């Protein structure tokens, strides 16, 4: 039986991507295109969001895998994952992502021709960023596919041996107030051993830090659902504790990154606190969702199906809108609103009037044919 709170959290976190990628257009750090004015004050809230938004998505994806495997054999699960992840990825790389790269080239004055000439002649020549072939924001899909297939034998073992020693030990620890923070130890090890040596690339083949980090979090999602009774009870009983740790951890992280800066001690402190910070926020949000969002509705059913097409479409629409307003002398709130609302409405129109209703288009956006 699925949990409505997990589905709501999935919808909300994916929905946050619209505001996050709109914010990237205005903040000082790199993005595909930038507004004519960037705002330093945005760096901190964007940094806060960026600490936990992807980790929680992979945990939620692992939780979803638990439910999917309950209804399917290993072969059926593998087939379903490949269809729902690989087909949208290929489709997206052919038709959804190229407009983003084209606009980047226009903005940088690296290409001056029309889009159809670009798509026909050079859109798939060379690998981004030097070339043009890219999966851009769709990098989440190949990572999720690989984690699903990699973890499958382990998940099957856990299902067949539900009371193995590791699971029994975890269940016992999770019931304690700080027991869920045992999960931070492998994550801290990953920070110290991989992050300094493998910069984030989203290229899959050489992205060892993110592969290890997000792969472990994906596995955690499944395991937590396997011990769901003790896990949800722990969230219920210790919600305030997890929230308090979240605030303290981010405060320490802020001090180490923004105030102490560039010292060996601050870097070691940062690597230690990063996993504690995002893990405690994940527990906090799951606890809040469990208390306030564990209920079904027609809105949830609609949004739960729409969220995948929205994810595929949204960044292309954001960048198209951004390109046409980037040099206008509008004040920040007006530009931000136009981009965020325009992205939502554009994604909704395409979803509601094309993807949702045309059954042979649905698989290209990860939806079942009805």
Protein backbone atom coordinates (compact mmCIF):
# COMPACT_ATOMS: atom_id res chain seq x y z
CA UNK A 1 0.00 0.00 0.00
CA UNK A 2 1.47 3.33 -1.10
CA UNK A 3 1.88 6.20 1.34
CA UNK A 4 0.20 9.45 0.33
CA UNK A 5 2.69 11.51 2.33
CA UNK A 6 5.60 10.19 0.25
CA UNK A 7 3.67 10.94 -2.95
CA UNK A 8 2.88 14.47 -1.77
CA UNK A 9 6.51 15.06 -0.85
CA UNK A 10 7.61 13.81 -4.28
CA UNK A 11 5.22 16.24 -5.97
CA UNK A 12 6.30 19.16 -3.78
CA UNK A 13 10.05 18.57 -4.17
CA UNK A 14 9.79 18.15 -7.94
CA UNK A 15 7.57 21.24 -8.05
CA UNK A 16 10.29 23.12 -6.19
CA UNK A 17 12.53 22.60 -9.23
CA UNK A 18 10.61 25.31 -11.10
CA UNK A 19 11.46 27.87 -8.43
CA UNK A 20 14.99 26.52 -7.98
CA UNK A 21 15.92 26.71 -11.66
CA UNK A 22 14.28 30.12 -11.93
CA UNK A 23 16.43 31.22 -9.00
CA UNK A 24 19.55 29.87 -10.73
CA UNK A 25 18.89 32.39 -13.51
CA UNK A 26 19.32 35.26 -11.02
CA UNK A 27 21.96 34.05 -8.55
CA UNK A 28 25.73 34.61 -9.05
CA UNK A 29 26.70 30.94 -9.61
CA UNK A 30 26.81 29.26 -13.01
CA UNK A 31 23.67 28.44 -14.97
CA UNK A 32 23.00 27.89 -18.66
CA UNK A 33 22.01 31.52 -19.19
CA UNK A 34 21.97 34.42 -16.72
CA UNK A 35 19.92 37.52 -16.12
CA UNK A 36 21.58 40.85 -16.92
CA UNK A 37 21.71 41.48 -13.15
CA UNK A 38 22.54 38.81 -10.57
CA UNK A 39 21.72 39.08 -6.87
CA UNK A 40 24.25 38.06 -4.25
CA UNK A 41 21.58 37.72 -1.55
CA UNK A 42 20.08 34.77 -3.47
CA UNK A 43 23.22 32.67 -2.98
CA UNK A 44 22.38 31.63 0.60
CA UNK A 45 18.76 30.46 0.08
CA UNK A 46 19.84 28.66 -3.09
CA UNK A 47 22.66 27.02 -1.16
CA UNK A 48 20.19 25.91 1.51
CA UNK A 49 17.87 24.32 -1.06
CA UNK A 50 20.73 22.70 -2.91
CA UNK A 51 21.92 20.83 0.20
CA UNK A 52 18.86 18.57 0.43
CA UNK A 53 16.66 18.83 -2.70
CA UNK A 54 18.45 16.08 -4.68
CA UNK A 55 19.23 13.79 -1.72
CA UNK A 56 15.55 13.68 -0.75
CA UNK A 57 14.52 12.89 -4.34
CA UNK A 58 16.77 9.83 -4.42
CA UNK A 59 15.50 8.66 -1.02
CA UNK A 60 11.91 9.07 -2.25
CA UNK A 61 12.81 7.20 -5.45
CA UNK A 62 14.16 4.33 -3.36
CA UNK A 63 10.92 4.31 -1.39
CA UNK A 64 8.95 4.17 -4.63
CA UNK A 65 11.06 1.20 -5.71
CA UNK A 66 9.91 -0.66 -2.62
CA UNK A 67 6.28 -0.31 -3.69
CA UNK A 68 7.07 -1.12 -7.34
CA UNK A 69 8.86 -4.35 -6.43
CA UNK A 70 5.95 -5.45 -4.25
CA UNK A 71 3.76 -5.64 -7.35
CA UNK A 72 6.28 -6.94 -9.92
CA UNK A 73 8.80 -9.67 -10.52
CA UNK A 74 12.44 -8.68 -11.01
CA UNK A 75 12.06 -8.98 -14.77
CA UNK A 76 8.85 -6.93 -14.83
CA UNK A 77 10.46 -4.29 -12.62
CA UNK A 78 13.58 -4.06 -14.82
CA UNK A 79 11.50 -3.82 -17.98
CA UNK A 80 9.28 -1.13 -16.47
CA UNK A 81 12.28 0.90 -15.28
CA UNK A 82 13.95 0.77 -18.69
CA UNK A 83 10.77 1.80 -20.50
CA UNK A 84 9.88 4.59 -18.08
CA UNK A 85 13.39 6.02 -17.76
CA UNK A 86 15.29 5.24 -20.96
CA UNK A 87 12.59 6.20 -23.48
CA UNK A 88 11.99 9.66 -21.93
CA UNK A 89 15.76 10.18 -21.70
CA UNK A 90 16.33 9.47 -25.39
CA UNK A 91 13.27 11.49 -26.38
CA UNK A 92 14.38 14.35 -24.17
CA UNK A 93 17.92 14.38 -25.59
CA UNK A 94 16.49 14.50 -29.12
CA UNK A 95 13.74 17.09 -28.68
CA UNK A 96 13.53 18.64 -25.19
CA UNK A 97 17.15 19.48 -24.37
CA UNK A 98 18.40 20.82 -27.77
CA UNK A 99 16.46 24.11 -27.45
CA UNK A 100 18.29 24.76 -24.17
CA UNK A 101 21.72 24.26 -25.74
CA UNK A 102 20.67 26.31 -28.79
CA UNK A 103 19.70 29.24 -26.56
CA UNK A 104 23.01 28.95 -24.70
CA UNK A 105 24.81 29.21 -28.03
CA UNK A 106 22.70 32.22 -29.02
CA UNK A 107 23.31 33.93 -25.70
CA UNK A 108 27.07 33.36 -26.00
CA UNK A 109 27.03 34.38 -29.70
CA UNK A 110 28.49 31.00 -30.64
CA UNK A 111 25.72 30.35 -33.17
CA UNK A 112 23.56 32.82 -35.07
CA UNK A 113 21.38 30.62 -37.29
CA UNK A 114 17.78 29.54 -36.78
CA UNK A 115 16.85 26.63 -34.52
CA UNK A 116 15.88 24.16 -37.24
CA UNK A 117 19.23 24.60 -38.99
CA UNK A 118 20.98 24.16 -35.65
CA UNK A 119 19.00 20.98 -34.85
CA UNK A 120 19.60 19.49 -38.28
CA UNK A 121 23.28 20.38 -38.62
CA UNK A 122 25.04 20.49 -35.23
CA UNK A 123 22.66 19.73 -32.33
CA UNK A 124 24.12 16.23 -31.93
CA UNK A 125 27.71 16.96 -32.89
CA UNK A 126 30.17 16.58 -30.01
CA UNK A 127 29.46 16.13 -26.32
CA UNK A 128 28.45 19.12 -24.21
CA UNK A 129 29.90 21.53 -23.10
CA UNK A 130 32.44 21.60 -25.94
CA UNK A 131 29.87 20.04 -28.27
CA UNK A 132 26.08 20.13 -28.20
CA UNK A 133 24.82 16.63 -27.31
CA UNK A 134 23.62 16.68 -23.71
CA UNK A 135 21.03 15.40 -21.27
CA UNK A 136 21.19 18.59 -19.18
CA UNK A 137 18.61 18.43 -16.36
CA UNK A 138 17.57 14.91 -17.43
CA UNK A 139 20.77 13.48 -15.90
CA UNK A 140 18.56 12.28 -13.03
CA UNK A 141 17.06 9.60 -15.31
CA UNK A 142 20.18 7.56 -16.22
CA UNK A 143 21.38 7.72 -12.61
CA UNK A 144 18.03 6.46 -11.38
CA UNK A 145 17.99 3.69 -13.97
CA UNK A 146 21.46 2.54 -13.00
CA UNK A 147 20.67 2.59 -9.27
CA UNK A 148 17.45 0.62 -9.86
CA UNK A 149 19.26 -2.16 -11.72
CA UNK A 150 22.34 -2.14 -9.47
CA UNK A 151 20.36 -2.45 -6.24
CA UNK A 152 17.84 -4.98 -7.58
CA UNK A 153 19.68 -8.16 -6.42
CA UNK A 154 20.22 -6.65 -2.97
CA UNK A 155 16.60 -5.56 -2.69
CA UNK A 156 15.47 -9.05 -3.69
CA UNK A 157 17.69 -10.58 -1.03
CA UNK A 158 16.20 -8.26 1.59
CA UNK A 159 12.68 -9.19 0.48
CA UNK A 160 13.45 -12.91 0.69
CA UNK A 161 15.27 -12.57 4.03
CA UNK A 162 13.28 -9.86 5.80
CA UNK A 163 14.72 -10.68 9.22
CA UNK A 164 18.41 -10.94 8.38
CA UNK A 165 20.87 -9.72 11.01
CA UNK A 166 21.53 -6.34 9.40
CA UNK A 167 17.83 -5.50 9.11
CA UNK A 168 17.15 -6.61 12.68
CA UNK A 169 20.05 -4.49 13.95
CA UNK A 170 18.84 -1.47 11.97
CA UNK A 171 15.30 -1.88 13.24
CA UNK A 172 16.58 -1.91 16.80
CA UNK A 173 18.72 1.19 16.24
CA UNK A 174 16.04 3.16 14.37
CA UNK A 175 13.72 2.93 17.35
CA UNK A 176 16.20 5.00 19.39
CA UNK A 177 16.10 8.84 19.24
CA UNK A 178 19.36 9.18 17.29
CA UNK A 179 19.38 5.73 15.74
CA UNK A 180 18.58 6.98 12.23
CA UNK A 181 21.85 8.91 12.24
CA UNK A 182 23.81 5.67 11.85
CA UNK A 183 22.88 6.15 8.21
CA UNK A 184 25.14 9.22 8.12
CA UNK A 185 28.38 7.26 8.64
CA UNK A 186 28.69 5.86 5.07
CA UNK A 187 27.69 9.28 3.72
CA UNK A 188 30.41 11.04 5.73
CA UNK A 189 32.94 8.49 4.47
CA UNK A 190 31.89 9.27 0.90
CA UNK A 191 32.37 12.99 1.52
CA UNK A 192 35.94 12.52 2.75
CA UNK A 193 37.09 9.86 0.28
CA UNK A 194 35.39 10.92 -2.97
CA UNK A 195 34.24 14.54 -2.95
CA UNK A 196 37.73 16.12 -2.93
CA UNK A 197 38.86 14.00 -5.89
CA UNK A 198 35.80 13.64 -8.14
CA UNK A 199 34.11 16.95 -9.02
CA UNK A 200 30.44 16.78 -9.93
CA UNK A 201 29.94 16.26 -13.67
CA UNK A 202 26.49 14.60 -14.08
CA UNK A 203 28.18 12.62 -16.86
CA UNK A 204 27.60 9.23 -15.18
CA UNK A 205 30.82 7.53 -16.29
CA UNK A 206 33.22 9.59 -14.15
CA UNK A 207 30.93 11.07 -11.52
CA UNK A 208 32.03 8.80 -8.67
CA UNK A 209 31.16 11.12 -5.81
CA UNK A 210 27.55 11.64 -6.88
CA UNK A 211 27.18 8.01 -7.94
CA UNK A 212 28.19 6.81 -4.47
CA UNK A 213 26.25 9.47 -2.56
CA UNK A 214 22.98 9.25 -4.45
CA UNK A 215 23.28 5.49 -4.90
CA UNK A 216 23.50 5.01 -1.14
CA UNK A 217 20.56 7.37 -0.54
CA UNK A 218 18.48 5.46 -3.09
CA UNK A 219 19.22 2.25 -1.23
CA UNK A 220 18.32 3.90 2.07
CA UNK A 221 14.88 4.74 0.72
CA UNK A 222 14.11 1.09 0.03
CA UNK A 223 15.52 -0.11 3.35
CA UNK A 224 13.53 2.44 5.35
CA UNK A 225 10.31 1.29 3.71
CA UNK A 226 11.26 -2.31 4.48
CA UNK A 227 11.32 -1.42 8.19
CA UNK A 228 8.47 1.05 7.75
CA UNK A 229 6.64 0.51 11.04
CA UNK A 230 9.61 1.33 13.25
CA UNK A 231 10.78 4.05 10.84
CA UNK A 232 7.50 6.00 10.74
CA UNK A 233 7.09 5.60 14.49
CA UNK A 234 10.55 7.07 14.99
CA UNK A 235 9.67 10.03 12.79
CA UNK A 236 6.48 10.58 14.76
CA UNK A 237 8.17 10.34 18.15
CA UNK A 238 11.30 12.36 17.38
CA UNK A 239 10.09 14.96 14.86
CA UNK A 240 11.10 17.93 17.01
CA UNK A 241 14.55 16.42 17.64
CA UNK A 242 15.18 15.99 13.90
CA UNK A 243 14.03 19.54 13.19
CA UNK A 244 16.35 20.89 15.87
CA UNK A 245 19.31 18.93 14.49
CA UNK A 246 18.49 20.24 10.99
CA UNK A 247 18.65 23.86 12.12
CA UNK A 248 21.84 23.33 14.13
CA UNK A 249 23.53 21.40 11.31
CA UNK A 250 22.76 24.06 8.70
CA UNK A 251 23.95 26.79 11.08
CA UNK A 252 27.29 24.97 11.49
CA UNK A 253 27.48 24.43 7.74
CA UNK A 254 26.82 28.12 7.14
CA UNK A 255 29.59 29.08 9.57
CA UNK A 256 32.11 26.68 8.01
CA UNK A 257 31.36 27.68 4.40
CA UNK A 258 30.38 31.34 4.63
CA UNK A 259 32.24 32.70 7.66
CA UNK A 260 35.33 30.58 8.36
CA UNK A 261 35.94 29.87 4.65
CA UNK A 262 38.90 28.17 2.96
CA UNK A 263 40.72 26.70 5.97
CA UNK A 264 41.60 23.04 6.45
CA UNK A 265 39.47 22.89 9.58
CA UNK A 266 36.45 24.52 7.95
CA UNK A 267 36.68 22.14 4.99
CA UNK A 268 36.86 19.07 7.25
CA UNK A 269 33.96 20.46 9.27
CA UNK A 270 31.98 21.03 6.07
CA UNK A 271 32.54 17.48 4.82
CA UNK A 272 31.43 16.10 8.19
CA UNK A 273 28.33 18.23 8.53
CA UNK A 274 27.06 18.08 4.92
CA UNK A 275 25.52 14.59 5.28
CA UNK A 276 24.18 15.28 8.78
CA UNK A 277 22.55 18.44 7.43
CA UNK A 278 20.78 16.94 4.43
CA UNK A 279 19.90 13.71 6.25
CA UNK A 280 18.30 15.56 9.14
CA UNK A 281 16.30 17.76 6.72
CA UNK A 282 15.14 14.63 4.89
CA UNK A 283 13.94 13.13 8.19
CA UNK A 284 12.28 16.42 9.13
CA UNK A 285 10.37 16.74 5.86
CA UNK A 286 9.32 13.09 5.94
CA UNK A 287 8.10 13.54 9.51
CA UNK A 288 6.12 16.66 8.64
CA UNK A 289 4.65 14.99 5.57
CA UNK A 290 3.68 11.98 7.69
CA UNK A 291 1.83 14.22 10.13
CA UNK A 292 0.11 16.61 7.71
CA UNK A 293 0.03 15.06 4.22
CA UNK A 294 -0.77 11.38 4.59
CA UNK A 295 -4.13 11.61 2.87
CA UNK A 296 -5.36 11.00 -0.64
CA UNK A 297 -7.13 13.47 -2.90
CA UNK A 298 -8.00 13.97 -6.55
CA UNK A 299 -5.39 16.73 -6.63
CA UNK A 300 -2.69 14.30 -5.49
CA UNK A 301 -3.70 11.73 -8.11
CA UNK A 302 -3.52 14.38 -10.83
CA UNK A 303 -0.26 15.90 -9.62
CA UNK A 304 1.40 12.53 -9.06
CA UNK A 305 1.00 11.67 -12.74
CA UNK A 306 1.81 15.18 -13.98
CA UNK A 307 5.04 15.56 -12.03
CA UNK A 308 7.19 13.45 -14.39
CA UNK A 309 6.18 15.35 -17.58
CA UNK A 310 6.58 18.63 -15.68
CA UNK A 311 10.11 17.60 -14.70
CA UNK A 312 11.01 16.74 -18.31
CA UNK A 313 9.55 19.95 -19.76
CA UNK A 314 10.17 22.63 -17.17
CA UNK A 315 13.81 23.67 -17.66
CA UNK A 316 13.46 24.10 -21.40
CA UNK A 317 10.49 26.42 -20.88
CA UNK A 318 12.35 28.31 -18.13
CA UNK A 319 15.36 28.93 -20.36
CA UNK A 320 13.25 29.98 -23.36
CA UNK A 321 11.39 32.54 -21.23
CA UNK A 322 14.63 33.64 -19.59
CA UNK A 323 16.31 34.27 -22.93
CA UNK A 324 13.63 36.71 -24.02
CA UNK A 325 13.58 38.71 -20.78
CA UNK A 326 17.21 38.44 -19.64
CA UNK A 327 18.18 41.89 -20.89
CA UNK A 328 14.95 43.71 -20.03
CA UNK A 329 15.18 46.32 -17.30
CA UNK A 330 12.48 44.79 -15.14
CA UNK A 331 12.70 44.55 -11.39
CA UNK A 332 13.61 41.19 -9.90
CA UNK A 333 10.20 40.10 -8.58
CA UNK A 334 8.48 40.75 -11.92
CA UNK A 335 11.05 38.75 -13.88
CA UNK A 336 11.05 35.92 -11.36
CA UNK A 337 7.26 35.74 -11.40
CA UNK A 338 7.06 35.76 -15.19
CA UNK A 339 9.57 32.92 -15.40
CA UNK A 340 8.12 30.77 -12.60
CA UNK A 341 4.45 31.25 -13.55
CA UNK A 342 5.25 30.99 -17.26
CA UNK A 343 7.16 27.74 -16.70
CA UNK A 344 4.31 26.25 -14.68
CA UNK A 345 1.62 27.30 -17.14
CA UNK A 346 3.65 26.21 -20.16
CA UNK A 347 4.33 22.81 -18.62
CA UNK A 348 0.68 22.42 -17.59
CA UNK A 349 -0.68 23.34 -21.04
CA UNK A 350 1.59 20.84 -22.79
CA UNK A 351 0.77 18.17 -20.23
CA UNK A 352 -2.99 18.72 -20.02
CA UNK A 353 -3.80 19.18 -23.70
CA UNK A 354 -1.20 16.95 -25.35
CA UNK A 355 0.64 14.48 -23.13
CA UNK A 356 -2.25 13.47 -20.89
CA UNK A 357 -4.80 13.07 -23.68
CA UNK A 358 -2.73 11.60 -26.51
CA UNK A 359 -1.99 8.04 -25.48
CA UNK A 360 0.90 7.42 -27.89
CA UNK A 361 2.78 10.48 -26.61
CA UNK A 362 2.52 9.39 -22.97
CA UNK A 363 5.43 6.87 -22.98
CA UNK A 364 7.83 9.57 -24.18
CA UNK A 365 7.15 11.35 -20.89
CA UNK A 366 7.31 8.27 -18.69
CA UNK A 367 3.56 7.64 -18.48
CA UNK A 368 1.63 4.46 -19.14
CA UNK A 369 -0.65 4.22 -22.17
CA UNK A 370 -4.29 4.42 -21.11
